[in-house]
Amino acid sequence: MTIPLEDLRASFERSLRAEGRAAGTLRLYRQSVDFFCAWLVADGQKPTLDNLNRGNIREWMADLDEKGMADNTRKTRFRGLYRFCEWLVDEDELDANPMKKMRTPTEKPKPVPIVSDDALKMLLTTCRGKDFAARRDLAIFRVLIDCGLRVGELCNMGHAPEVLNLDGQSALVHGKTGTRFVYLSDRTVQALDRYLRLRRGHRYASSEALWLGERGPMTPDGIRERFNVRTEQAGIEHIHPHQLRHTWAADFLAHGGQEREAMRLAGWSSDAMLSRYGSANADARAKATALRMKRGDRL
């Protein structure tokens, strides 16, 4: 449904006033909906009812956490949007609340598990075919493995030579903190080249969007669905796109990448994320550095 969330938010406020809710409560609920709408726009999506879904809400909350937003503020945003969703169900605008059983931000989320190399290899193996879907999915997975993009950034990728330079092994991406270059390995370039050659024959080939589905440019939900399909085919535990971002960061730091370099490549404007994204193997990195330095052996 393409009903603007702004219109529904206005109706939501009228209902709250009819219930006698305090002006402060109305303001907080309104802000939650408005901030979510702004996030959708920044993510390249329209602020409409069909984009008020569990996947987008999870990504939004993850972004708030990544930016280092205080727990109480995230909790307020969560509760405001939750109440909005409940009202939509009561008014028969939604069949079910997409936030049902989601944990509130007061419960610190468990660290996102790193995806093992073995699991990633099994995921890539499901894309061995030469058909359009196989070529596209392989290229998508390899770009995420190489670059750790947000799913919204992935969907916003273009294919014009000035933004996707295969010979230069780089891509220009547009994220929440601005525009930046990311860099591609040889196998990822090969996967993209094969996909682009098939893409020429797609009925939506004239689209500026790099990634195409049956009905046009792919959306974040469409990307998540490809993960669902391929992880099931691979017979591995479900992987979601944001896990590959976490895995990329942990792997980059584990193999000698510097924190400031990670921030630049990942598009982080604050170092608040380093404690979370680098924590998965921080002890192992510290041990390796200590043993490499061998301070005691030099005396």
C-alpha atoms as a PDB file:
ATOM      1  CA  MET A   1       0.000   0.000   0.000  1.00  0.00           C
ATOM      2  CA  THR A   2       1.324   3.405  -0.945  1.00  0.00           C
ATOM      3  CA  ILE A   3      -0.551   5.442   1.663  1.00  0.00           C
ATOM      4  CA  PRO A   4       1.789   8.205   2.925  1.00  0.00           C
ATOM      5  CA  LEU A   5       2.761   7.663   6.551  1.00  0.00           C
ATOM      6  CA  GLU A   6       2.482  11.409   7.092  1.00  0.00           C
ATOM      7  CA  ASP A   7      -1.261  11.241   6.360  1.00  0.00           C
ATOM      8  CA  LEU A   8      -1.730   8.298   8.714  1.00  0.00           C
ATOM      9  CA  ARG A   9       0.324  10.035  11.396  1.00  0.00           C
ATOM     10  CA  ALA A  10      -2.070  12.988  11.253  1.00  0.00           C
ATOM     11  CA  SER A  11      -5.027  10.641  11.795  1.00  0.00           C
ATOM     12  CA  PHE A  12      -3.106   8.945  14.605  1.00  0.00           C
ATOM     13  CA  GLU A  13      -2.656  12.291  16.365  1.00  0.00           C
ATOM     14  CA  ARG A  14      -6.356  13.057  16.087  1.00  0.00           C
ATOM     15  CA  SER A  15      -7.171   9.741  17.743  1.00  0.00           C
ATOM     16  CA  LEU A  16      -4.720  10.425  20.554  1.00  0.00           C
ATOM     17  CA  ARG A  17      -6.268  13.823  21.165  1.00  0.00           C
ATOM     18  CA  ALA A  18      -9.692  12.196  21.308  1.00  0.00           C
ATOM     19  CA  GLU A  19      -8.310   9.869  24.004  1.00  0.00           C
ATOM     20  CA  GLY A  20      -7.171  12.890  25.996  1.00  0.00           C
ATOM     21  CA  ARG A  21      -3.446  12.173  25.690  1.00  0.00           C
ATOM     22  CA  ALA A  22      -1.060  14.849  26.951  1.00  0.00           C
ATOM     23  CA  ALA A  23       0.565  17.234  24.492  1.00  0.00           C
ATOM     24  CA  GLY A  24       4.013  15.895  25.439  1.00  0.00           C
ATOM     25  CA  THR A  25       2.959  12.343  24.617  1.00  0.00           C
ATOM     26  CA  LEU A  26       1.595  13.452  21.255  1.00  0.00           C
ATOM     27  CA  ARG A  27       4.856  15.210  20.486  1.00  0.00           C
ATOM     28  CA  LEU A  28       6.991  12.168  21.307  1.00  0.00           C
ATOM     29  CA  TYR A  29       4.807   9.808  19.264  1.00  0.00           C
ATOM     30  CA  ARG A  30       4.782  12.239  16.338  1.00  0.00           C
ATOM     31  CA  GLN A  31       8.563  12.548  16.453  1.00  0.00           C
ATOM     32  CA  SER A  32       8.992   8.771  16.372  1.00  0.00           C
ATOM     33  CA  VAL A  33       6.950   8.482  13.186  1.00  0.00           C
ATOM     34  CA  ASP A  34       8.633  11.525  11.630  1.00  0.00           C
ATOM     35  CA  PHE A  35      12.140  10.256  12.402  1.00  0.00           C
ATOM     36  CA  PHE A  36      11.314   6.863  10.906  1.00  0.00           C
ATOM     37  CA  CYS A  37       9.953   8.569   7.779  1.00  0.00           C
ATOM     38  CA  ALA A  38      13.128  10.652   7.510  1.00  0.00           C
ATOM     39  CA  TRP A  39      15.197   7.475   7.812  1.00  0.00           C
ATOM     40  CA  LEU A  40      13.239   5.859   4.978  1.00  0.00           C
ATOM     41  CA  VAL A  41      13.865   8.869   2.739  1.00  0.00           C
ATOM     42  CA  ALA A  42      17.597   8.860   3.579  1.00  0.00           C
ATOM     43  CA  ASP A  43      17.608   5.146   2.771  1.00  0.00           C
ATOM     44  CA  GLY A  44      16.168   5.810  -0.676  1.00  0.00           C
ATOM     45  CA  GLN A  45      12.690   4.539   0.178  1.00  0.00           C
ATOM     46  CA  LYS A  46       9.315   6.239   0.124  1.00  0.00           C
ATOM     47  CA  PRO A  47       7.722   6.970   3.542  1.00  0.00           C
ATOM     48  CA  THR A  48       4.629   4.913   2.808  1.00  0.00           C
ATOM     49  CA  LEU A  49       2.692   2.238   4.659  1.00  0.00           C
ATOM     50  CA  ASP A  50       4.149  -0.631   2.645  1.00  0.00           C
ATOM     51  CA  ASN A  51       7.636   0.325   3.860  1.00  0.00           C
ATOM     52  CA  LEU A  52       6.570   0.192   7.510  1.00  0.00           C
ATOM     53  CA  ASN A  53       7.745  -3.384   7.898  1.00  0.00           C
ATOM     54  CA  ARG A  54       9.781  -5.404  10.363  1.00  0.00           C
ATOM     55  CA  GLY A  55      12.939  -5.436   8.264  1.00  0.00           C
ATOM     56  CA  ASN A  56      13.056  -1.669   7.862  1.00  0.00           C
ATOM     57  CA  ILE A  57      12.244  -1.069  11.519  1.00  0.00           C
ATOM     58  CA  ARG A  58      15.098  -3.372  12.571  1.00  0.00           C
ATOM     59  CA  GLU A  59      17.504  -1.556  10.250  1.00  0.00           C
ATOM     60  CA  TRP A  60      16.359   1.800  11.636  1.00  0.00           C
ATOM     61  CA  MET A  61      16.887   0.711  15.237  1.00  0.00           C
ATOM     62  CA  ALA A  62      20.295  -0.747  14.317  1.00  0.00           C
ATOM     63  CA  ASP A  63      21.286   2.587  12.788  1.00  0.00           C
ATOM     64  CA  LEU A  64      20.244   4.466  15.926  1.00  0.00           C
ATOM     65  CA  ASP A  65      22.368   2.089  17.984  1.00  0.00           C
ATOM     66  CA  GLU A  66      25.274   2.412  15.559  1.00  0.00           C
ATOM     67  CA  LYS A  67      25.203   6.193  15.904  1.00  0.00           C
ATOM     68  CA  GLY A  68      25.577   5.851  19.666  1.00  0.00           C
ATOM     69  CA  MET A  69      22.128   7.199  20.504  1.00  0.00           C
ATOM     70  CA  ALA A  70      21.296   6.964  24.209  1.00  0.00           C
ATOM     71  CA  ASP A  71      19.283   3.941  25.322  1.00  0.00           C
ATOM     72  CA  ASN A  72      16.456   6.091  26.664  1.00  0.00           C
ATOM     73  CA  THR A  73      16.142   7.974  23.379  1.00  0.00           C
ATOM     74  CA  ARG A  74      16.086   4.763  21.370  1.00  0.00           C
ATOM     75  CA  LYS A  75      13.516   3.377  23.789  1.00  0.00           C
ATOM     76  CA  THR A  76      11.323   6.449  23.247  1.00  0.00           C
ATOM     77  CA  ARG A  77      11.605   6.148  19.458  1.00  0.00           C
ATOM     78  CA  PHE A  78      10.732   2.462  19.679  1.00  0.00           C
ATOM     79  CA  ARG A  79       7.698   2.963  21.906  1.00  0.00           C
ATOM     80  CA  GLY A  80       6.338   5.800  19.790  1.00  0.00           C
ATOM     81  CA  LEU A  81       6.503   3.800  16.577  1.00  0.00           C
ATOM     82  CA  TYR A  82       5.136   0.711  18.347  1.00  0.00           C
ATOM     83  CA  ARG A  83       2.095   2.666  19.520  1.00  0.00           C
ATOM     84  CA  PHE A  84       1.597   3.970  15.970  1.00  0.00           C
ATOM     85  CA  CYS A  85       1.663   0.405  14.626  1.00  0.00           C
ATOM     86  CA  GLU A  86      -0.843  -0.714  17.259  1.00  0.00           C
ATOM     87  CA  TRP A  87      -3.178   2.089  16.194  1.00  0.00           C
ATOM     88  CA  LEU A  88      -2.829   1.058  12.544  1.00  0.00           C
ATOM     89  CA  VAL A  89      -3.912  -2.471  13.474  1.00  0.00           C
ATOM     90  CA  ASP A  90      -6.864  -1.160  15.497  1.00  0.00           C
ATOM     91  CA  GLU A  91      -7.915   0.970  12.519  1.00  0.00           C
ATOM     92  CA  ASP A  92      -7.575  -1.985  10.084  1.00  0.00           C
ATOM     93  CA  GLU A  93      -4.795  -0.257   8.165  1.00  0.00           C
ATOM     94  CA  LEU A  94      -2.469  -3.162   9.032  1.00  0.00           C
ATOM     95  CA  ASP A  95      -3.308  -6.821   9.580  1.00  0.00           C
ATOM     96  CA  ALA A  96      -0.643  -7.243  12.257  1.00  0.00           C
ATOM     97  CA  ASN A  97       1.853  -5.143  14.190  1.00  0.00           C
ATOM     98  CA  PRO A  98       5.270  -5.555  12.482  1.00  0.00           C
ATOM     99  CA  MET A  99       6.966  -4.725  15.800  1.00  0.00           C
ATOM    100  CA  LYS A 100       5.273  -7.512  17.735  1.00  0.00           C
ATOM    101  CA  LYS A 101       7.790  -9.415  19.895  1.00  0.00           C
ATOM    102  CA  MET A 102      10.654  -7.093  18.917  1.00  0.00           C
ATOM    103  CA  ARG A 103      12.927  -6.402  21.873  1.00  0.00           C
ATOM    104  CA  THR A 104      12.950  -2.893  23.229  1.00  0.00           C
ATOM    105  CA  PRO A 105      16.295  -1.031  23.178  1.00  0.00           C
ATOM    106  CA  THR A 106      16.530  -1.272  26.985  1.00  0.00           C
ATOM    107  CA  GLU A 107      17.555  -4.878  26.445  1.00  0.00           C
ATOM    108  CA  LYS A 108      21.056  -4.681  25.104  1.00  0.00           C
ATOM    109  CA  PRO A 109      21.122  -6.781  21.939  1.00  0.00           C
ATOM    110  CA  LYS A 110      23.510  -9.688  21.815  1.00  0.00           C
ATOM    111  CA  PRO A 111      26.508  -9.068  19.569  1.00  0.00           C
ATOM    112  CA  VAL A 112      25.662  -9.839  15.975  1.00  0.00           C
ATOM    113  CA  PRO A 113      27.372 -13.162  15.229  1.00  0.00           C
ATOM    114  CA  ILE A 114      30.159 -13.136  12.688  1.00  0.00           C
ATOM    115  CA  VAL A 115      29.458 -15.288   9.657  1.00  0.00           C
ATOM    116  CA  SER A 116      32.161 -17.915   9.228  1.00  0.00           C
ATOM    117  CA  ASP A 117      34.106 -18.302   5.993  1.00  0.00           C
ATOM    118  CA  ASP A 118      32.676 -21.811   5.638  1.00  0.00           C
ATOM    119  CA  ALA A 119      29.106 -20.492   5.830  1.00  0.00           C
ATOM    120  CA  LEU A 120      29.898 -17.747   3.318  1.00  0.00           C
ATOM    121  CA  LYS A 121      31.399 -20.279   0.909  1.00  0.00           C
ATOM    122  CA  MET A 122      28.252 -22.396   1.180  1.00  0.00           C
ATOM    123  CA  LEU A 123      26.134 -19.309   0.523  1.00  0.00           C
ATOM    124  CA  LEU A 124      28.159 -18.452  -2.584  1.00  0.00           C
ATOM    125  CA  THR A 125      27.940 -22.045  -3.797  1.00  0.00           C
ATOM    126  CA  THR A 126      24.163 -21.681  -4.219  1.00  0.00           C
ATOM    127  CA  CYS A 127      24.848 -19.088  -6.948  1.00  0.00           C
ATOM    128  CA  ARG A 128      26.885 -21.297  -9.279  1.00  0.00           C
ATOM    129  CA  GLY A 129      24.288 -21.148 -12.056  1.00  0.00           C
ATOM    130  CA  LYS A 130      24.514 -18.980 -15.158  1.00  0.00           C
ATOM    131  CA  ASP A 131      20.955 -17.656 -15.076  1.00  0.00           C
ATOM    132  CA  PHE A 132      20.152 -14.034 -14.246  1.00  0.00           C
ATOM    133  CA  ALA A 133      19.184 -14.630 -10.599  1.00  0.00           C
ATOM    134  CA  ALA A 134      22.340 -16.637  -9.885  1.00  0.00           C
ATOM    135  CA  ARG A 135      24.637 -14.066 -11.489  1.00  0.00           C
ATOM    136  CA  ARG A 136      22.890 -11.199  -9.685  1.00  0.00           C
ATOM    137  CA  ASP A 137      22.786 -12.864  -6.268  1.00  0.00           C
ATOM    138  CA  LEU A 138      26.448 -13.854  -6.465  1.00  0.00           C
ATOM    139  CA  ALA A 139      27.405 -10.269  -7.300  1.00  0.00           C
ATOM    140  CA  ILE A 140      25.245  -8.946  -4.444  1.00  0.00           C
ATOM    141  CA  PHE A 141      26.779 -11.300  -1.896  1.00  0.00           C
ATOM    142  CA  ARG A 142      30.332 -10.595  -3.041  1.00  0.00           C
ATOM    143  CA  VAL A 143      29.831  -6.822  -2.905  1.00  0.00           C
ATOM    144  CA  LEU A 144      28.495  -7.098   0.653  1.00  0.00           C
ATOM    145  CA  ILE A 145      31.342  -9.403   1.684  1.00  0.00           C
ATOM    146  CA  ASP A 146      33.923  -7.042   0.160  1.00  0.00           C
ATOM    147  CA  CYS A 147      32.464  -3.727   1.293  1.00  0.00           C
ATOM    148  CA  GLY A 148      30.131  -4.257   4.265  1.00  0.00           C
ATOM    149  CA  LEU A 149      27.507  -1.920   2.822  1.00  0.00           C
ATOM    150  CA  ARG A 150      24.215  -1.106   4.479  1.00  0.00           C
ATOM    151  CA  VAL A 151      21.376  -2.742   2.575  1.00  0.00           C
ATOM    152  CA  GLY A 152      20.008   0.679   1.634  1.00  0.00           C
ATOM    153  CA  GLU A 153      23.390   1.682   0.200  1.00  0.00           C
ATOM    154  CA  LEU A 154      23.475  -1.524  -1.803  1.00  0.00           C
ATOM    155  CA  CYS A 155      20.048  -0.789  -3.301  1.00  0.00           C
ATOM    156  CA  ASN A 156      21.138   2.759  -4.164  1.00  0.00           C
ATOM    157  CA  MET A 157      24.128   1.583  -6.214  1.00  0.00           C
ATOM    158  CA  GLY A 158      24.256   2.639  -9.856  1.00  0.00           C
ATOM    159  CA  HIS A 159      25.969   1.078 -12.864  1.00  0.00           C
ATOM    160  CA  ALA A 160      27.177   4.099 -14.838  1.00  0.00           C
ATOM    161  CA  PRO A 161      30.973   4.018 -15.459  1.00  0.00           C
ATOM    162  CA  GLU A 162      31.550   7.067 -13.277  1.00  0.00           C
ATOM    163  CA  VAL A 163      30.037   5.326 -10.234  1.00  0.00           C
ATOM    164  CA  LEU A 164      30.983   1.694 -10.914  1.00  0.00           C
ATOM    165  CA  ASN A 165      34.547   1.426 -12.207  1.00  0.00           C
ATOM    166  CA  LEU A 166      35.329  -2.249 -12.699  1.00  0.00           C
ATOM    167  CA  ASP A 167      38.839  -1.678 -14.064  1.00  0.00           C
ATOM    168  CA  GLY A 168      39.570   0.685 -11.186  1.00  0.00           C
ATOM    169  CA  GLN A 169      37.973  -1.839  -8.800  1.00  0.00           C
ATOM    170  CA  SER A 170      35.918   0.822  -7.058  1.00  0.00           C
ATOM    171  CA  ALA A 171      32.312   1.911  -6.597  1.00  0.00           C
ATOM    172  CA  LEU A 172      30.813   5.179  -5.443  1.00  0.00           C
ATOM    173  CA  VAL A 173      28.062   4.652  -2.869  1.00  0.00           C
ATOM    174  CA  HIS A 174      25.609   7.065  -1.314  1.00  0.00           C
ATOM    175  CA  GLY A 175      25.031   6.519   2.390  1.00  0.00           C
ATOM    176  CA  LYS A 176      23.542   8.214   5.406  1.00  0.00           C
ATOM    177  CA  THR A 177      26.764  10.111   6.117  1.00  0.00           C
ATOM    178  CA  GLY A 178      27.484  11.146   2.538  1.00  0.00           C
ATOM    179  CA  THR A 179      29.172   9.734  -0.541  1.00  0.00           C
ATOM    180  CA  ARG A 180      32.246   7.521  -0.407  1.00  0.00           C
ATOM    181  CA  PHE A 181      34.275   5.056  -2.453  1.00  0.00           C
ATOM    182  CA  VAL A 182      34.406   1.356  -1.651  1.00  0.00           C
ATOM    183  CA  TYR A 183      36.789  -1.120  -3.216  1.00  0.00           C
ATOM    184  CA  LEU A 184      36.238  -4.434  -4.951  1.00  0.00           C
ATOM    185  CA  SER A 185      38.302  -7.612  -5.088  1.00  0.00           C
ATOM    186  CA  ASP A 186      39.090  -9.390  -8.361  1.00  0.00           C
ATOM    187  CA  ARG A 187      36.413 -12.048  -7.843  1.00  0.00           C
ATOM    188  CA  THR A 188      33.804  -9.420  -7.039  1.00  0.00           C
ATOM    189  CA  VAL A 189      34.707  -7.495 -10.195  1.00  0.00           C
ATOM    190  CA  GLN A 190      34.341 -10.718 -12.179  1.00  0.00           C
ATOM    191  CA  ALA A 191      30.930 -11.407 -10.605  1.00  0.00           C
ATOM    192  CA  LEU A 192      29.781  -7.858 -11.386  1.00  0.00           C
ATOM    193  CA  ASP A 193      31.033  -8.076 -14.963  1.00  0.00           C
ATOM    194  CA  ARG A 194      29.092 -11.291 -15.554  1.00  0.00           C
ATOM    195  CA  TYR A 195      25.961  -9.814 -13.995  1.00  0.00           C
ATOM    196  CA  LEU A 196      26.188  -6.589 -16.009  1.00  0.00           C
ATOM    197  CA  ARG A 197      26.427  -8.512 -19.279  1.00  0.00           C
ATOM    198  CA  LEU A 198      23.193 -10.369 -18.478  1.00  0.00           C
ATOM    199  CA  ARG A 199      21.604  -7.195 -17.159  1.00  0.00           C
ATOM    200  CA  ARG A 200      21.684  -5.664 -20.664  1.00  0.00           C
ATOM    201  CA  GLY A 201      18.875  -7.992 -21.723  1.00  0.00           C
ATOM    202  CA  HIS A 202      16.641  -7.276 -18.715  1.00  0.00           C
ATOM    203  CA  ARG A 203      13.377  -5.473 -19.443  1.00  0.00           C
ATOM    204  CA  TYR A 204      14.322  -2.804 -16.880  1.00  0.00           C
ATOM    205  CA  ALA A 205      17.878  -2.423 -18.186  1.00  0.00           C
ATOM    206  CA  SER A 206      17.343   1.321 -18.729  1.00  0.00           C
ATOM    207  CA  SER A 207      16.974   1.849 -14.974  1.00  0.00           C
ATOM    208  CA  GLU A 208      19.765   3.734 -13.229  1.00  0.00           C
ATOM    209  CA  ALA A 209      19.652   1.173 -10.410  1.00  0.00           C
ATOM    210  CA  LEU A 210      22.305  -1.536 -10.538  1.00  0.00           C
ATOM    211  CA  TRP A 211      20.279  -4.349  -8.998  1.00  0.00           C
ATOM    212  CA  LEU A 212      17.153  -5.481 -10.831  1.00  0.00           C
ATOM    213  CA  GLY A 213      14.373  -7.864  -9.868  1.00  0.00           C
ATOM    214  CA  GLU A 214      11.374  -9.123 -11.791  1.00  0.00           C
ATOM    215  CA  ARG A 215       9.421  -5.921 -11.142  1.00  0.00           C
ATOM    216  CA  GLY A 216      12.198  -3.374 -11.416  1.00  0.00           C
ATOM    217  CA  PRO A 217      14.925  -2.037  -9.094  1.00  0.00           C
ATOM    218  CA  MET A 218      15.432  -4.175  -6.007  1.00  0.00           C
ATOM    219  CA  THR A 219      14.357  -2.904  -2.593  1.00  0.00           C
ATOM    220  CA  PRO A 220      15.857  -3.692   0.833  1.00  0.00           C
ATOM    221  CA  ASP A 221      13.076  -6.237   1.357  1.00  0.00           C
ATOM    222  CA  GLY A 222      13.947  -7.811  -1.979  1.00  0.00           C
ATOM    223  CA  ILE A 223      17.586  -8.158  -0.923  1.00  0.00           C
ATOM    224  CA  ARG A 224      16.566  -9.731   2.389  1.00  0.00           C
ATOM    225  CA  GLU A 225      14.358 -12.189   0.527  1.00  0.00           C
ATOM    226  CA  ARG A 226      17.318 -13.326  -1.576  1.00  0.00           C
ATOM    227  CA  PHE A 227      19.188 -14.032   1.656  1.00  0.00           C
ATOM    228  CA  ASN A 228      16.214 -16.074   2.873  1.00  0.00           C
ATOM    229  CA  VAL A 229      16.134 -18.108  -0.330  1.00  0.00           C
ATOM    230  CA  ARG A 230      19.864 -18.714  -0.600  1.00  0.00           C
ATOM    231  CA  THR A 231      20.523 -19.542   3.058  1.00  0.00           C
ATOM    232  CA  GLU A 232      17.722 -22.101   2.911  1.00  0.00           C
ATOM    233  CA  GLN A 233      19.218 -23.592  -0.246  1.00  0.00           C
ATOM    234  CA  ALA A 234      22.638 -23.702   1.417  1.00  0.00           C
ATOM    235  CA  GLY A 235      21.242 -25.438   4.496  1.00  0.00           C
ATOM    236  CA  ILE A 236      22.898 -22.959   6.839  1.00  0.00           C
ATOM    237  CA  GLU A 237      21.650 -20.792   9.680  1.00  0.00           C
ATOM    238  CA  HIS A 238      19.824 -17.722   8.426  1.00  0.00           C
ATOM    239  CA  ILE A 239      22.042 -14.766   7.533  1.00  0.00           C
ATOM    240  CA  HIS A 240      20.712 -11.236   7.212  1.00  0.00           C
ATOM    241  CA  PRO A 241      22.487  -8.456   5.257  1.00  0.00           C
ATOM    242  CA  HIS A 242      23.572  -6.460   8.317  1.00  0.00           C
ATOM    243  CA  GLN A 243      25.511  -9.485   9.585  1.00  0.00           C
ATOM    244  CA  LEU A 244      27.819  -9.152   6.597  1.00  0.00           C
ATOM    245  CA  ARG A 245      28.494  -5.542   7.574  1.00  0.00           C
ATOM    246  CA  HIS A 246      29.472  -6.686  11.062  1.00  0.00           C
ATOM    247  CA  THR A 247      31.535  -9.550   9.635  1.00  0.00           C
ATOM    248  CA  TRP A 248      33.323  -7.185   7.240  1.00  0.00           C
ATOM    249  CA  ALA A 249      34.271  -4.807  10.084  1.00  0.00           C
ATOM    250  CA  ALA A 250      35.541  -7.593  12.333  1.00  0.00           C
ATOM    251  CA  ASP A 251      37.535  -9.166   9.500  1.00  0.00           C
ATOM    252  CA  PHE A 252      39.009  -5.825   8.382  1.00  0.00           C
ATOM    253  CA  LEU A 253      40.278  -5.043  11.877  1.00  0.00           C
ATOM    254  CA  ALA A 254      41.478  -8.603  12.467  1.00  0.00           C
ATOM    255  CA  HIS A 255      43.678  -8.458   9.365  1.00  0.00           C
ATOM    256  CA  GLY A 256      45.482  -5.262  10.261  1.00  0.00           C
ATOM    257  CA  GLY A 257      43.057  -2.604   9.071  1.00  0.00           C
ATOM    258  CA  GLN A 258      43.111   0.591  11.119  1.00  0.00           C
ATOM    259  CA  GLU A 259      40.046   1.873  12.930  1.00  0.00           C
ATOM    260  CA  ARG A 260      40.035   5.202  11.072  1.00  0.00           C
ATOM    261  CA  GLU A 261      40.268   3.344   7.777  1.00  0.00           C
ATOM    262  CA  ALA A 262      37.333   1.164   8.815  1.00  0.00           C
ATOM    263  CA  MET A 263      35.302   4.259   9.668  1.00  0.00           C
ATOM    264  CA  ARG A 264      36.005   5.802   6.270  1.00  0.00           C
ATOM    265  CA  LEU A 265      35.220   2.664   4.288  1.00  0.00           C
ATOM    266  CA  ALA A 266      32.086   1.838   6.291  1.00  0.00           C
ATOM    267  CA  GLY A 267      30.724   5.370   6.230  1.00  0.00           C
ATOM    268  CA  TRP A 268      30.693   5.840  10.002  1.00  0.00           C
ATOM    269  CA  SER A 269      30.690   9.436  11.195  1.00  0.00           C
ATOM    270  CA  SER A 270      31.422   8.503  14.803  1.00  0.00           C
ATOM    271  CA  ASP A 271      33.782   6.056  16.475  1.00  0.00           C
ATOM    272  CA  ALA A 272      30.966   4.943  18.792  1.00  0.00           C
ATOM    273  CA  MET A 273      30.478   1.896  16.593  1.00  0.00           C
ATOM    274  CA  LEU A 274      34.013   0.590  17.057  1.00  0.00           C
ATOM    275  CA  SER A 275      33.309  -0.860  20.488  1.00  0.00           C
ATOM    276  CA  ARG A 276      30.480  -2.895  19.009  1.00  0.00           C
ATOM    277  CA  TYR A 277      31.751  -3.774  15.546  1.00  0.00           C
ATOM    278  CA  GLY A 278      35.279  -4.469  16.652  1.00  0.00           C
ATOM    279  CA  SER A 279      34.379  -6.303  19.841  1.00  0.00           C
ATOM    280  CA  ALA A 280      33.737  -9.694  18.295  1.00  0.00           C
ATOM    281  CA  ASN A 281      37.437 -10.580  18.097  1.00  0.00           C
ATOM    282  CA  ALA A 282      39.026  -7.748  20.072  1.00  0.00           C
ATOM    283  CA  ASP A 283      40.651 -10.150  22.545  1.00  0.00           C
ATOM    284  CA  ALA A 284      42.112 -12.230  19.731  1.00  0.00           C
ATOM    285  CA  ARG A 285      43.551  -9.110  18.077  1.00  0.00           C
ATOM    286  CA  ALA A 286      45.024  -7.900  21.356  1.00  0.00           C
ATOM    287  CA  LYS A 287      46.631 -11.294  21.973  1.00  0.00           C
ATOM    288  CA  ALA A 288      48.104 -11.428  18.456  1.00  0.00           C
ATOM    289  CA  THR A 289      49.555  -7.924  18.804  1.00  0.00           C
ATOM    290  CA  ALA A 290      51.053  -8.668  22.221  1.00  0.00           C
ATOM    291  CA  LEU A 291      52.691 -11.871  21.002  1.00  0.00           C
ATOM    292  CA  ARG A 292      53.988 -10.143  17.879  1.00  0.00           C
ATOM    293  CA  MET A 293      55.583  -7.334  19.895  1.00  0.00           C
ATOM    294  CA  LYS A 294      57.158  -9.757  22.410  1.00  0.00           C
ATOM    295  CA  ARG A 295      58.106  -6.945  24.741  1.00  0.00           C
ATOM    296  CA  GLY A 296      59.645  -9.223  27.345  1.00  0.00           C
ATOM    297  CA  ASP A 297      61.835 -11.016  24.807  1.00  0.00           C
ATOM    298  CA  ARG A 298      63.519  -7.752  23.854  1.00  0.00           C
ATOM    299  CA  LEU A 299      64.933  -7.197  27.337  1.00  0.00           C
END
